[in-house]
Amino acid sequence: MRSFPIYASILGALLCLTSVTASAQAWDAAGKATSWAKQDRDDSFTFYDASTRSLYTWVRDGGLLGTLPLGKLDEEPDRWVIDPRSTAWVAHGTSLTRLDRTGRILDRVKLHAEVSDVCWDAVGMILSYRTAEPYVEKRDFRNADVIWTFGAKPSKREGPAPQNQRPLALDDSGNILMADGNSLNLSILDANTGQKIGETALKFHGAPAPTLEGDTTRRGPLAVWVGKGVIFAALKATQVPAAQRGTLQGLVLARLDLPRTAVDFLPTGLDDSHVLVGVLDSDAIFVNPKGGLMVVAVK
């Protein structure tokens, strides 16, 4: 499995743009992205740039699609969603703030805890919280009203927020997949009701999927390989059980093949500071914390 800078291969054509277009698209994720992001249905990504305090929506074949300043926020953003009106819902600390495309604050909602991850559909955004036990909410895009909740709502008496990170993804059927703790299996929630409708029963070489090791409260992102029934889970090599780790180092992809109920561990050649943000064609896309995107061919 090879990894290489996205701007040196797939995006080579972007370097041939005219000077006028290049100046209009001065911010380019291929060389500048450093933040978390999540692939949208149109294969775009929205990154946060701390140096300009702005969100940049970018697509591989079209470059920069839009910019939204966050200068009016009191805190740095944790997670964000661009809704169908092209306004941004930004989770920061225990607040959720909506800003229009000029950066003007429209709404602010108090949350029960800090947000660990977010995914979304045409109706609203699904928030996974950093709580001791799993807690997930779906809120609509109009005014962030709660549509449903899953799990135990955290109490204000619980003390400092835990660092449990439960990443989310929407599968090809529109169901919510959630990773939690040391299990490679994923909980499956109905995106319309929030009801748990099942859990994967993955196997590794015919045996039940092994339990992860090390610190599994901070789970890496999930990414869906659209149309394949495959989910990639980003792991540190130290989280892969010793019996299956072999020569794996740095950042590892757990390839979760849901139709085959099979899991495999794939090397990336990247260190574990890189962030998985999506899958385009047959490439897993990662953010390099030093700036720019990396791709790793998958199959």
C-alpha atoms as a PDB file:
ATOM      1  CA  MET A   1       0.000   0.000   0.000  1.00  0.00           C
ATOM      2  CA  ARG A   2       1.647   3.238  -1.177  1.00  0.00           C
ATOM      3  CA  SER A   3       1.150   6.732   0.181  1.00  0.00           C
ATOM      4  CA  PHE A   4       2.085   9.964  -1.550  1.00  0.00           C
ATOM      5  CA  PRO A   5       1.151  13.661  -1.512  1.00  0.00           C
ATOM      6  CA  ILE A   6      -2.142  14.253  -3.249  1.00  0.00           C
ATOM      7  CA  TYR A   7      -0.817  17.409  -4.866  1.00  0.00           C
ATOM      8  CA  ALA A   8       2.011  15.483  -6.510  1.00  0.00           C
ATOM      9  CA  SER A   9      -0.231  13.005  -8.269  1.00  0.00           C
ATOM     10  CA  ILE A  10      -4.019  13.188  -8.455  1.00  0.00           C
ATOM     11  CA  LEU A  11      -4.090  16.968  -8.343  1.00  0.00           C
ATOM     12  CA  GLY A  12      -1.287  17.584 -10.790  1.00  0.00           C
ATOM     13  CA  ALA A  13      -3.747  19.109 -13.218  1.00  0.00           C
ATOM     14  CA  LEU A  14      -4.586  21.847 -10.735  1.00  0.00           C
ATOM     15  CA  LEU A  15      -1.058  23.212 -11.080  1.00  0.00           C
ATOM     16  CA  CYS A  16      -1.819  24.057 -14.696  1.00  0.00           C
ATOM     17  CA  LEU A  17      -4.643  26.473 -13.904  1.00  0.00           C
ATOM     18  CA  THR A  18      -4.364  30.007 -15.204  1.00  0.00           C
ATOM     19  CA  SER A  19      -2.851  32.651 -12.945  1.00  0.00           C
ATOM     20  CA  VAL A  20      -6.258  34.319 -12.580  1.00  0.00           C
ATOM     21  CA  THR A  21      -7.875  31.115 -11.317  1.00  0.00           C
ATOM     22  CA  ALA A  22      -4.908  30.328  -9.114  1.00  0.00           C
ATOM     23  CA  SER A  23      -5.074  33.708  -7.412  1.00  0.00           C
ATOM     24  CA  ALA A  24      -8.812  33.265  -6.834  1.00  0.00           C
ATOM     25  CA  GLN A  25      -8.126  29.904  -5.258  1.00  0.00           C
ATOM     26  CA  ALA A  26      -5.099  30.811  -3.164  1.00  0.00           C
ATOM     27  CA  TRP A  27      -6.144  28.405  -0.412  1.00  0.00           C
ATOM     28  CA  ASP A  28      -5.695  24.825  -1.607  1.00  0.00           C
ATOM     29  CA  ALA A  29      -6.309  21.821   0.627  1.00  0.00           C
ATOM     30  CA  ALA A  30      -3.747  19.809  -1.327  1.00  0.00           C
ATOM     31  CA  GLY A  31      -0.970  21.843   0.255  1.00  0.00           C
ATOM     32  CA  LYS A  32      -2.583  23.651   3.198  1.00  0.00           C
ATOM     33  CA  ALA A  33      -5.156  21.448   4.922  1.00  0.00           C
ATOM     34  CA  THR A  34      -4.251  20.684   8.547  1.00  0.00           C
ATOM     35  CA  SER A  35      -7.569  20.058  10.316  1.00  0.00           C
ATOM     36  CA  TRP A  36     -10.187  17.391  10.793  1.00  0.00           C
ATOM     37  CA  ALA A  37     -12.790  17.151   8.023  1.00  0.00           C
ATOM     38  CA  LYS A  38     -15.456  14.714   6.857  1.00  0.00           C
ATOM     39  CA  GLN A  39     -16.288  13.827   3.269  1.00  0.00           C
ATOM     40  CA  ASP A  40     -19.694  15.112   2.154  1.00  0.00           C
ATOM     41  CA  ARG A  41     -22.109  13.443  -0.272  1.00  0.00           C
ATOM     42  CA  ASP A  42     -20.743  15.534  -3.153  1.00  0.00           C
ATOM     43  CA  ASP A  43     -17.181  14.438  -2.241  1.00  0.00           C
ATOM     44  CA  SER A  44     -16.308  17.892  -0.922  1.00  0.00           C
ATOM     45  CA  PHE A  45     -14.448  18.485   2.340  1.00  0.00           C
ATOM     46  CA  THR A  46     -14.601  21.476   4.683  1.00  0.00           C
ATOM     47  CA  PHE A  47     -11.350  22.233   6.500  1.00  0.00           C
ATOM     48  CA  TYR A  48     -10.556  24.759   9.208  1.00  0.00           C
ATOM     49  CA  ASP A  49      -7.496  26.985   8.797  1.00  0.00           C
ATOM     50  CA  ALA A  50      -6.355  28.364  12.148  1.00  0.00           C
ATOM     51  CA  SER A  51      -4.113  31.004  10.580  1.00  0.00           C
ATOM     52  CA  THR A  52      -7.078  32.703   8.885  1.00  0.00           C
ATOM     53  CA  ARG A  53      -9.779  31.440  11.300  1.00  0.00           C
ATOM     54  CA  SER A  54     -11.870  30.337   8.329  1.00  0.00           C
ATOM     55  CA  LEU A  55     -13.615  27.257   6.992  1.00  0.00           C
ATOM     56  CA  TYR A  56     -12.691  26.298   3.430  1.00  0.00           C
ATOM     57  CA  THR A  57     -14.898  23.969   1.398  1.00  0.00           C
ATOM     58  CA  TRP A  58     -12.852  22.192  -1.225  1.00  0.00           C
ATOM     59  CA  VAL A  59     -13.329  19.438  -3.784  1.00  0.00           C
ATOM     60  CA  ARG A  60     -10.596  17.469  -5.523  1.00  0.00           C
ATOM     61  CA  ASP A  61     -11.696  18.142  -9.094  1.00  0.00           C
ATOM     62  CA  GLY A  62     -12.868  21.713  -8.577  1.00  0.00           C
ATOM     63  CA  GLY A  63     -10.624  23.283  -5.964  1.00  0.00           C
ATOM     64  CA  LEU A  64     -11.972  25.845  -3.519  1.00  0.00           C
ATOM     65  CA  LEU A  65     -15.792  26.072  -3.459  1.00  0.00           C
ATOM     66  CA  GLY A  66     -16.303  28.542  -0.637  1.00  0.00           C
ATOM     67  CA  THR A  67     -14.885  30.316   2.413  1.00  0.00           C
ATOM     68  CA  LEU A  68     -16.638  31.089   5.688  1.00  0.00           C
ATOM     69  CA  PRO A  69     -14.891  33.232   8.355  1.00  0.00           C
ATOM     70  CA  LEU A  70     -15.137  32.206  12.016  1.00  0.00           C
ATOM     71  CA  GLY A  71     -13.577  35.317  13.519  1.00  0.00           C
ATOM     72  CA  LYS A  72     -16.674  36.050  15.609  1.00  0.00           C
ATOM     73  CA  LEU A  73     -16.427  32.770  17.528  1.00  0.00           C
ATOM     74  CA  ASP A  74     -15.006  32.975  21.052  1.00  0.00           C
ATOM     75  CA  GLU A  75     -13.359  29.536  20.840  1.00  0.00           C
ATOM     76  CA  GLU A  76     -11.609  27.394  18.283  1.00  0.00           C
ATOM     77  CA  PRO A  77     -13.999  25.012  16.479  1.00  0.00           C
ATOM     78  CA  ASP A  78     -14.082  21.311  17.345  1.00  0.00           C
ATOM     79  CA  ARG A  79     -16.397  19.999  14.600  1.00  0.00           C
ATOM     80  CA  TRP A  80     -18.549  21.607  11.909  1.00  0.00           C
ATOM     81  CA  VAL A  81     -21.206  21.024   9.264  1.00  0.00           C
ATOM     82  CA  ILE A  82     -22.152  23.107   6.232  1.00  0.00           C
ATOM     83  CA  ASP A  83     -25.938  22.831   5.948  1.00  0.00           C
ATOM     84  CA  PRO A  84     -28.129  22.950   2.777  1.00  0.00           C
ATOM     85  CA  ARG A  85     -28.374  26.754   3.111  1.00  0.00           C
ATOM     86  CA  SER A  86     -24.570  27.023   2.986  1.00  0.00           C
ATOM     87  CA  THR A  87     -24.482  28.212   6.585  1.00  0.00           C
ATOM     88  CA  ALA A  88     -22.180  26.552   9.097  1.00  0.00           C
ATOM     89  CA  TRP A  89     -23.080  24.822  12.358  1.00  0.00           C
ATOM     90  CA  VAL A  90     -19.925  24.851  14.470  1.00  0.00           C
ATOM     91  CA  ALA A  91     -19.435  22.914  17.711  1.00  0.00           C
ATOM     92  CA  HIS A  92     -16.967  24.594  20.060  1.00  0.00           C
ATOM     93  CA  GLY A  93     -16.658  23.697  23.709  1.00  0.00           C
ATOM     94  CA  THR A  94     -20.208  23.012  24.907  1.00  0.00           C
ATOM     95  CA  SER A  95     -21.833  25.362  22.379  1.00  0.00           C
ATOM     96  CA  LEU A  96     -23.223  24.916  18.873  1.00  0.00           C
ATOM     97  CA  THR A  97     -23.211  28.104  16.813  1.00  0.00           C
ATOM     98  CA  ARG A  98     -24.726  28.771  13.399  1.00  0.00           C
ATOM     99  CA  LEU A  99     -23.037  31.343  11.164  1.00  0.00           C
ATOM    100  CA  ASP A 100     -24.089  32.631   7.770  1.00  0.00           C
ATOM    101  CA  ARG A 101     -21.673  32.584   4.852  1.00  0.00           C
ATOM    102  CA  THR A 102     -20.305  36.010   5.841  1.00  0.00           C
ATOM    103  CA  GLY A 103     -19.435  34.785   9.343  1.00  0.00           C
ATOM    104  CA  ARG A 104     -22.322  36.558  11.080  1.00  0.00           C
ATOM    105  CA  ILE A 105     -23.653  34.603  14.080  1.00  0.00           C
ATOM    106  CA  LEU A 106     -27.292  33.591  13.614  1.00  0.00           C
ATOM    107  CA  ASP A 107     -27.958  31.155  16.470  1.00  0.00           C
ATOM    108  CA  ARG A 108     -26.210  29.710  19.487  1.00  0.00           C
ATOM    109  CA  VAL A 109     -27.293  26.552  21.328  1.00  0.00           C
ATOM    110  CA  LYS A 110     -25.955  25.200  24.628  1.00  0.00           C
ATOM    111  CA  LEU A 111     -24.942  21.530  24.501  1.00  0.00           C
ATOM    112  CA  HIS A 112     -24.800  18.856  27.201  1.00  0.00           C
ATOM    113  CA  ALA A 113     -21.092  18.132  26.673  1.00  0.00           C
ATOM    114  CA  GLU A 114     -18.267  18.585  24.184  1.00  0.00           C
ATOM    115  CA  VAL A 115     -18.777  17.078  20.741  1.00  0.00           C
ATOM    116  CA  SER A 116     -16.614  14.132  19.754  1.00  0.00           C
ATOM    117  CA  ASP A 117     -17.776  13.652  16.170  1.00  0.00           C
ATOM    118  CA  VAL A 118     -20.521  14.624  13.757  1.00  0.00           C
ATOM    119  CA  CYS A 119     -22.133  13.316  10.611  1.00  0.00           C
ATOM    120  CA  TRP A 120     -25.203  14.499   8.756  1.00  0.00           C
ATOM    121  CA  ASP A 121     -27.958  13.749   6.254  1.00  0.00           C
ATOM    122  CA  ALA A 122     -30.501  15.899   4.388  1.00  0.00           C
ATOM    123  CA  VAL A 123     -32.550  16.499   7.555  1.00  0.00           C
ATOM    124  CA  GLY A 124     -29.994  17.336  10.198  1.00  0.00           C
ATOM    125  CA  MET A 125     -26.732  16.712  12.000  1.00  0.00           C
ATOM    126  CA  ILE A 126     -25.913  13.800  14.264  1.00  0.00           C
ATOM    127  CA  LEU A 127     -23.670  14.654  17.222  1.00  0.00           C
ATOM    128  CA  SER A 128     -21.660  12.133  19.234  1.00  0.00           C
ATOM    129  CA  TYR A 129     -20.601  13.510  22.618  1.00  0.00           C
ATOM    130  CA  ARG A 130     -17.503  13.084  24.764  1.00  0.00           C
ATOM    131  CA  THR A 131     -19.290  11.385  27.606  1.00  0.00           C
ATOM    132  CA  ALA A 132     -18.620   8.437  29.897  1.00  0.00           C
ATOM    133  CA  GLU A 133     -21.390   6.400  28.235  1.00  0.00           C
ATOM    134  CA  PRO A 134     -22.508   6.693  24.592  1.00  0.00           C
ATOM    135  CA  TYR A 135     -24.776   9.673  23.968  1.00  0.00           C
ATOM    136  CA  VAL A 136     -25.875  10.766  20.494  1.00  0.00           C
ATOM    137  CA  GLU A 137     -28.317  13.436  19.328  1.00  0.00           C
ATOM    138  CA  LYS A 138     -29.811  14.325  15.969  1.00  0.00           C
ATOM    139  CA  ARG A 139     -30.634  18.020  15.568  1.00  0.00           C
ATOM    140  CA  ASP A 140     -32.422  19.621  12.639  1.00  0.00           C
ATOM    141  CA  PHE A 141     -30.809  22.147  10.327  1.00  0.00           C
ATOM    142  CA  ARG A 142     -33.475  24.831  10.873  1.00  0.00           C
ATOM    143  CA  ASN A 143     -32.810  25.767  14.493  1.00  0.00           C
ATOM    144  CA  ALA A 144     -30.901  22.794  15.970  1.00  0.00           C
ATOM    145  CA  ASP A 145     -33.983  21.387  17.683  1.00  0.00           C
ATOM    146  CA  VAL A 146     -33.436  17.858  18.962  1.00  0.00           C
ATOM    147  CA  ILE A 147     -35.109  15.232  16.749  1.00  0.00           C
ATOM    148  CA  TRP A 148     -34.043  12.218  18.814  1.00  0.00           C
ATOM    149  CA  THR A 149     -31.474  11.099  21.350  1.00  0.00           C
ATOM    150  CA  PHE A 150     -29.671   7.801  21.899  1.00  0.00           C
ATOM    151  CA  GLY A 151     -28.042   6.742  25.162  1.00  0.00           C
ATOM    152  CA  ALA A 152     -27.908   8.317  28.582  1.00  0.00           C
ATOM    153  CA  LYS A 153     -27.963  12.111  28.701  1.00  0.00           C
ATOM    154  CA  PRO A 154     -24.940  13.281  30.735  1.00  0.00           C
ATOM    155  CA  SER A 155     -25.501  14.831  34.123  1.00  0.00           C
ATOM    156  CA  LYS A 156     -24.005  18.184  35.083  1.00  0.00           C
ATOM    157  CA  ARG A 157     -22.692  16.457  38.213  1.00  0.00           C
ATOM    158  CA  GLU A 158     -20.435  14.094  36.268  1.00  0.00           C
ATOM    159  CA  GLY A 159     -17.420  16.381  36.685  1.00  0.00           C
ATOM    160  CA  PRO A 160     -14.796  17.055  33.988  1.00  0.00           C
ATOM    161  CA  ALA A 161     -15.737  15.794  30.542  1.00  0.00           C
ATOM    162  CA  PRO A 162     -14.097  12.457  29.645  1.00  0.00           C
ATOM    163  CA  GLN A 163     -12.124  12.109  26.445  1.00  0.00           C
ATOM    164  CA  ASN A 164     -14.148   9.189  25.068  1.00  0.00           C
ATOM    165  CA  GLN A 165     -14.309   9.677  21.318  1.00  0.00           C
ATOM    166  CA  ARG A 166     -16.931   7.721  19.436  1.00  0.00           C
ATOM    167  CA  PRO A 167     -16.586   8.409  15.704  1.00  0.00           C
ATOM    168  CA  LEU A 168     -19.630   8.318  13.425  1.00  0.00           C
ATOM    169  CA  ALA A 169     -20.317   7.619   9.760  1.00  0.00           C
ATOM    170  CA  LEU A 170     -23.370   7.151   7.541  1.00  0.00           C
ATOM    171  CA  ASP A 171     -23.393   3.890   5.587  1.00  0.00           C
ATOM    172  CA  ASP A 172     -24.719   3.407   2.057  1.00  0.00           C
ATOM    173  CA  SER A 173     -28.231   2.814   3.435  1.00  0.00           C
ATOM    174  CA  GLY A 174     -28.223   6.022   5.449  1.00  0.00           C
ATOM    175  CA  ASN A 175     -27.847   4.285   8.794  1.00  0.00           C
ATOM    176  CA  ILE A 176     -25.477   5.649  11.441  1.00  0.00           C
ATOM    177  CA  LEU A 177     -22.401   3.616  12.323  1.00  0.00           C
ATOM    178  CA  MET A 178     -20.676   4.298  15.635  1.00  0.00           C
ATOM    179  CA  ALA A 179     -17.348   2.973  16.953  1.00  0.00           C
ATOM    180  CA  ASP A 180     -16.835   2.758  20.690  1.00  0.00           C
ATOM    181  CA  GLY A 181     -14.034   1.683  22.990  1.00  0.00           C
ATOM    182  CA  ASN A 182     -11.944  -1.385  22.273  1.00  0.00           C
ATOM    183  CA  SER A 183     -14.370  -3.137  19.918  1.00  0.00           C
ATOM    184  CA  LEU A 184     -13.878  -3.229  16.159  1.00  0.00           C
ATOM    185  CA  ASN A 185     -17.591  -3.918  15.765  1.00  0.00           C
ATOM    186  CA  LEU A 186     -19.848  -0.950  15.067  1.00  0.00           C
ATOM    187  CA  SER A 187     -23.236  -0.073  16.516  1.00  0.00           C
ATOM    188  CA  ILE A 188     -25.893   0.592  13.861  1.00  0.00           C
ATOM    189  CA  LEU A 189     -28.485   3.301  14.566  1.00  0.00           C
ATOM    190  CA  ASP A 190     -31.541   4.227  12.510  1.00  0.00           C
ATOM    191  CA  ALA A 191     -30.924   7.816  11.355  1.00  0.00           C
ATOM    192  CA  ASN A 192     -34.663   8.587  11.403  1.00  0.00           C
ATOM    193  CA  THR A 193     -35.438   7.378  14.917  1.00  0.00           C
ATOM    194  CA  GLY A 194     -32.121   6.979  16.748  1.00  0.00           C
ATOM    195  CA  GLN A 195     -33.025   3.409  17.662  1.00  0.00           C
ATOM    196  CA  LYS A 196     -30.209   0.870  17.717  1.00  0.00           C
ATOM    197  CA  ILE A 197     -31.050  -1.647  15.008  1.00  0.00           C
ATOM    198  CA  GLY A 198     -28.026  -3.875  15.250  1.00  0.00           C
ATOM    199  CA  GLU A 199     -24.321  -4.350  15.598  1.00  0.00           C
ATOM    200  CA  THR A 200     -21.772  -5.754  13.199  1.00  0.00           C
ATOM    201  CA  ALA A 201     -20.353  -9.227  13.887  1.00  0.00           C
ATOM    202  CA  LEU A 202     -16.964  -8.961  12.214  1.00  0.00           C
ATOM    203  CA  LYS A 203     -14.488 -11.814  11.932  1.00  0.00           C
ATOM    204  CA  PHE A 204     -10.745 -11.906  11.463  1.00  0.00           C
ATOM    205  CA  HIS A 205      -9.657 -14.971   9.491  1.00  0.00           C
ATOM    206  CA  GLY A 206     -12.836 -16.775  10.540  1.00  0.00           C
ATOM    207  CA  ALA A 207     -12.597 -15.974  14.256  1.00  0.00           C
ATOM    208  CA  PRO A 208     -14.429 -13.169  16.082  1.00  0.00           C
ATOM    209  CA  ALA A 209     -12.735  -9.793  15.552  1.00  0.00           C
ATOM    210  CA  PRO A 210     -10.040  -9.244  18.189  1.00  0.00           C
ATOM    211  CA  THR A 211     -10.269  -6.612  20.897  1.00  0.00           C
ATOM    212  CA  LEU A 212      -8.159  -3.491  20.471  1.00  0.00           C
ATOM    213  CA  GLU A 213      -5.375  -2.677  22.909  1.00  0.00           C
ATOM    214  CA  GLY A 214      -3.897   0.441  24.512  1.00  0.00           C
ATOM    215  CA  ASP A 215      -5.815   3.710  24.852  1.00  0.00           C
ATOM    216  CA  THR A 216      -9.059   3.140  22.955  1.00  0.00           C
ATOM    217  CA  THR A 217     -10.988   6.069  24.451  1.00  0.00           C
ATOM    218  CA  ARG A 218      -9.561   8.208  21.650  1.00  0.00           C
ATOM    219  CA  ARG A 219     -10.722   6.354  18.564  1.00  0.00           C
ATOM    220  CA  GLY A 220      -9.721   7.614  15.132  1.00  0.00           C
ATOM    221  CA  PRO A 221     -12.211   8.566  12.391  1.00  0.00           C
ATOM    222  CA  LEU A 222     -14.379   6.268  10.294  1.00  0.00           C
ATOM    223  CA  ALA A 223     -14.626   6.678   6.519  1.00  0.00           C
ATOM    224  CA  VAL A 224     -17.097   4.998   4.157  1.00  0.00           C
ATOM    225  CA  TRP A 225     -16.014   3.558   0.817  1.00  0.00           C
ATOM    226  CA  VAL A 226     -19.249   4.431  -0.965  1.00  0.00           C
ATOM    227  CA  GLY A 227     -20.891   1.600  -2.884  1.00  0.00           C
ATOM    228  CA  LYS A 228     -18.524  -1.048  -1.547  1.00  0.00           C
ATOM    229  CA  GLY A 229     -20.041  -1.805   1.833  1.00  0.00           C
ATOM    230  CA  VAL A 230     -16.603  -1.148   3.323  1.00  0.00           C
ATOM    231  CA  ILE A 231     -15.788   1.087   6.283  1.00  0.00           C
ATOM    232  CA  PHE A 232     -12.244   2.150   7.121  1.00  0.00           C
ATOM    233  CA  ALA A 233     -11.382   2.824  10.755  1.00  0.00           C
ATOM    234  CA  ALA A 234      -8.173   4.715  11.509  1.00  0.00           C
ATOM    235  CA  LEU A 235      -6.113   3.112  14.298  1.00  0.00           C
ATOM    236  CA  LYS A 236      -2.734   3.583  15.853  1.00  0.00           C
ATOM    237  CA  ALA A 237      -0.581   0.505  15.339  1.00  0.00           C
ATOM    238  CA  THR A 238      -0.305   0.237  19.126  1.00  0.00           C
ATOM    239  CA  GLN A 239      -4.083  -0.283  19.256  1.00  0.00           C
ATOM    240  CA  VAL A 240      -3.915  -3.319  16.972  1.00  0.00           C
ATOM    241  CA  PRO A 241      -3.702  -6.494  19.100  1.00  0.00           C
ATOM    242  CA  ALA A 242      -0.144  -7.795  19.370  1.00  0.00           C
ATOM    243  CA  ALA A 243      -1.096 -11.129  17.812  1.00  0.00           C
ATOM    244  CA  GLN A 244      -2.278  -9.364  14.638  1.00  0.00           C
ATOM    245  CA  ARG A 245       0.136  -6.413  14.641  1.00  0.00           C
ATOM    246  CA  GLY A 246       3.147  -8.009  13.016  1.00  0.00           C
ATOM    247  CA  THR A 247       5.278  -5.271  11.422  1.00  0.00           C
ATOM    248  CA  LEU A 248       2.518  -2.651  11.409  1.00  0.00           C
ATOM    249  CA  GLN A 249       3.675   0.801  12.510  1.00  0.00           C
ATOM    250  CA  GLY A 250       2.305   4.332  12.641  1.00  0.00           C
ATOM    251  CA  LEU A 251      -1.231   4.710  11.318  1.00  0.00           C
ATOM    252  CA  VAL A 252      -3.194   1.593  10.361  1.00  0.00           C
ATOM    253  CA  LEU A 253      -6.507   1.169   8.569  1.00  0.00           C
ATOM    254  CA  ALA A 254      -8.915  -1.470   9.808  1.00  0.00           C
ATOM    255  CA  ARG A 255     -10.834  -2.488   6.690  1.00  0.00           C
ATOM    256  CA  LEU A 256     -14.331  -3.452   7.837  1.00  0.00           C
ATOM    257  CA  ASP A 257     -16.087  -5.328   5.033  1.00  0.00           C
ATOM    258  CA  LEU A 258     -19.703  -5.363   6.188  1.00  0.00           C
ATOM    259  CA  PRO A 259     -21.177  -7.687   3.502  1.00  0.00           C
ATOM    260  CA  ARG A 260     -18.436 -10.261   4.215  1.00  0.00           C
ATOM    261  CA  THR A 261     -18.407  -9.488   7.965  1.00  0.00           C
ATOM    262  CA  ALA A 262     -14.608  -9.489   7.689  1.00  0.00           C
ATOM    263  CA  VAL A 263     -11.890  -7.236   9.098  1.00  0.00           C
ATOM    264  CA  ASP A 264      -8.323  -6.801   7.855  1.00  0.00           C
ATOM    265  CA  PHE A 265      -5.525  -4.507   9.014  1.00  0.00           C
ATOM    266  CA  LEU A 266      -3.793  -2.458   6.329  1.00  0.00           C
ATOM    267  CA  PRO A 267      -0.572  -0.429   6.617  1.00  0.00           C
ATOM    268  CA  THR A 268      -0.610   3.180   5.427  1.00  0.00           C
ATOM    269  CA  GLY A 269       3.060   4.154   5.589  1.00  0.00           C
ATOM    270  CA  LEU A 270       2.002   7.275   7.525  1.00  0.00           C
ATOM    271  CA  ASP A 271       2.714   8.199  11.120  1.00  0.00           C
ATOM    272  CA  ASP A 272      -0.248   8.241  13.475  1.00  0.00           C
ATOM    273  CA  SER A 273      -0.557  12.024  13.551  1.00  0.00           C
ATOM    274  CA  HIS A 274      -2.258  11.947  10.126  1.00  0.00           C
ATOM    275  CA  VAL A 275      -6.064  12.243  10.064  1.00  0.00           C
ATOM    276  CA  LEU A 276      -8.350  10.101   7.897  1.00  0.00           C
ATOM    277  CA  VAL A 277     -10.980  12.314   6.216  1.00  0.00           C
ATOM    278  CA  GLY A 278     -12.536  10.182   3.466  1.00  0.00           C
ATOM    279  CA  VAL A 279     -12.239   7.806   0.524  1.00  0.00           C
ATOM    280  CA  LEU A 280     -12.252   8.976  -3.110  1.00  0.00           C
ATOM    281  CA  ASP A 281     -12.339   6.334  -5.848  1.00  0.00           C
ATOM    282  CA  SER A 282      -9.741   3.832  -4.602  1.00  0.00           C
ATOM    283  CA  ASP A 283      -7.782   6.220  -2.402  1.00  0.00           C
ATOM    284  CA  ALA A 284      -8.054   6.885   1.309  1.00  0.00           C
ATOM    285  CA  ILE A 285      -7.487  10.601   1.933  1.00  0.00           C
ATOM    286  CA  PHE A 286      -5.497  11.838   4.929  1.00  0.00           C
ATOM    287  CA  VAL A 287      -4.577  15.247   6.301  1.00  0.00           C
ATOM    288  CA  ASN A 288      -0.903  15.772   7.018  1.00  0.00           C
ATOM    289  CA  PRO A 289      -0.646  17.761  10.280  1.00  0.00           C
ATOM    290  CA  LYS A 290       2.255  19.699   8.736  1.00  0.00           C
ATOM    291  CA  GLY A 291      -0.047  20.805   5.907  1.00  0.00           C
ATOM    292  CA  GLY A 292      -1.541  19.160   2.846  1.00  0.00           C
ATOM    293  CA  LEU A 293      -3.204  15.913   1.874  1.00  0.00           C
ATOM    294  CA  MET A 294      -1.846  12.408   1.459  1.00  0.00           C
ATOM    295  CA  VAL A 295      -3.486   9.524  -0.378  1.00  0.00           C
ATOM    296  CA  VAL A 296      -3.149   5.810   0.241  1.00  0.00           C
ATOM    297  CA  ALA A 297      -4.376   3.361  -2.369  1.00  0.00           C
ATOM    298  CA  VAL A 298      -6.879   0.857  -0.976  1.00  0.00           C
ATOM    299  CA  LYS A 299      -8.620  -2.206  -2.325  1.00  0.00           C
END
